[in-house]
């Protein structure tokens, strides 16, 4: 029998995140600090809107782009929060930001096109480029630069085949952000090389000590940017699977075409819930979002202090809900540390190598868990470090 599996897919490595959590799910008394999912429940008024939509019989397809009223609210939200202006016809509602990443890359990549992927970064970017027929080119970002892309890094990575760059800020796994000044620094390089920017801003509401800036708001960038976002992180709606992509019509029409043939439309009840999230958020000045961000910030500062006190040098994350401490001082790399910690103390973290170049000596720790759970995990990590060579 012939080999029916695509060579392209066979050569893609499985997610480096899931390996540990398949083990954890069957391990009694384990503590997982690995999943990037808010521990908060979806605010009731949002859930209620989804429930009521089903009760009222809104269980049929919407338009491919999503409900017009939802797209209008998304446009209003982006304009008021980030000063980025889109018409509802320049927005498509997707099954989470993950679908938005996939269909955007499939809409823009031709065979041989290179897409720059800052690393460390979210595990799906490079595989999605490959599955779209493009070639991912890793751009290794370093802690000394705040894990951001710089003009020099871009110039070294750009070739005549470079078509686009993914801009993943606030960043998963490092928590790095890019300020307006830093975005301005790379803007000219992007313009000079005629690149498309795919800006994944799913953590935009989870920025600490400042306001998130979208590169699409800078002069000359809106027409060459696909802005991706969603409701999972800021509104604690991961299971609702609702996101969106925004782009100029000539690009969005092609993204929509892929969406039409693969998804049809995002789940109708989830769209009603997302609409409620934006409407109630606007009415309350996003009070629920602000409360969650304040709690994450408290956890962030606690873990940052604890890791540094333990001798695990930790970059100060300014966004998302992850820390990315180095474990080099233990004599182990991230993979060795994560495996030994799980075995010895039943605490699961993600090795930094799962996120690409530059993370080999790090681990990713999510603080989307209660402070009580984090304190228990820290005590176990301290015990692990104290027994040192016995592990």
Foldseek 3Di string as FASTA:
>chain_A
DDDPDDPLVVPDDPFLQVVQVVVLVPDPPFFEQADQFFPDAFPPLLVVLLVVCVVVPVFDFDFLQADLLLLVLVQVVCCVAAVFHDHSLQKRKFQALLLVLLLLLLLPDDALAEEEEEPLADLVNQSSNSVSNYHYDYQYAAVVVQSADALVSVVVRDDLRYAAYEHEPVGPPALGHADPVRLVRCVVVCVVSVHAYEYECAFQLQFAPDHHHDSCNDPPHQQRYKYKYFCRQLRSPNVLRIIMIGHPNVSSVSSSVSSCVPPVGRGRSSSSSSSSQSVVCVVVVNVVSVVSSVQLVVLLVVVCVLCVVLVFHWRRRRTRFKTKTFPVVLVAWQVVVQVLLCVQQSYHWRQSPSSPPPRGRITIGGPSDDPVSVVVSSVSVSVVVVVRPVD
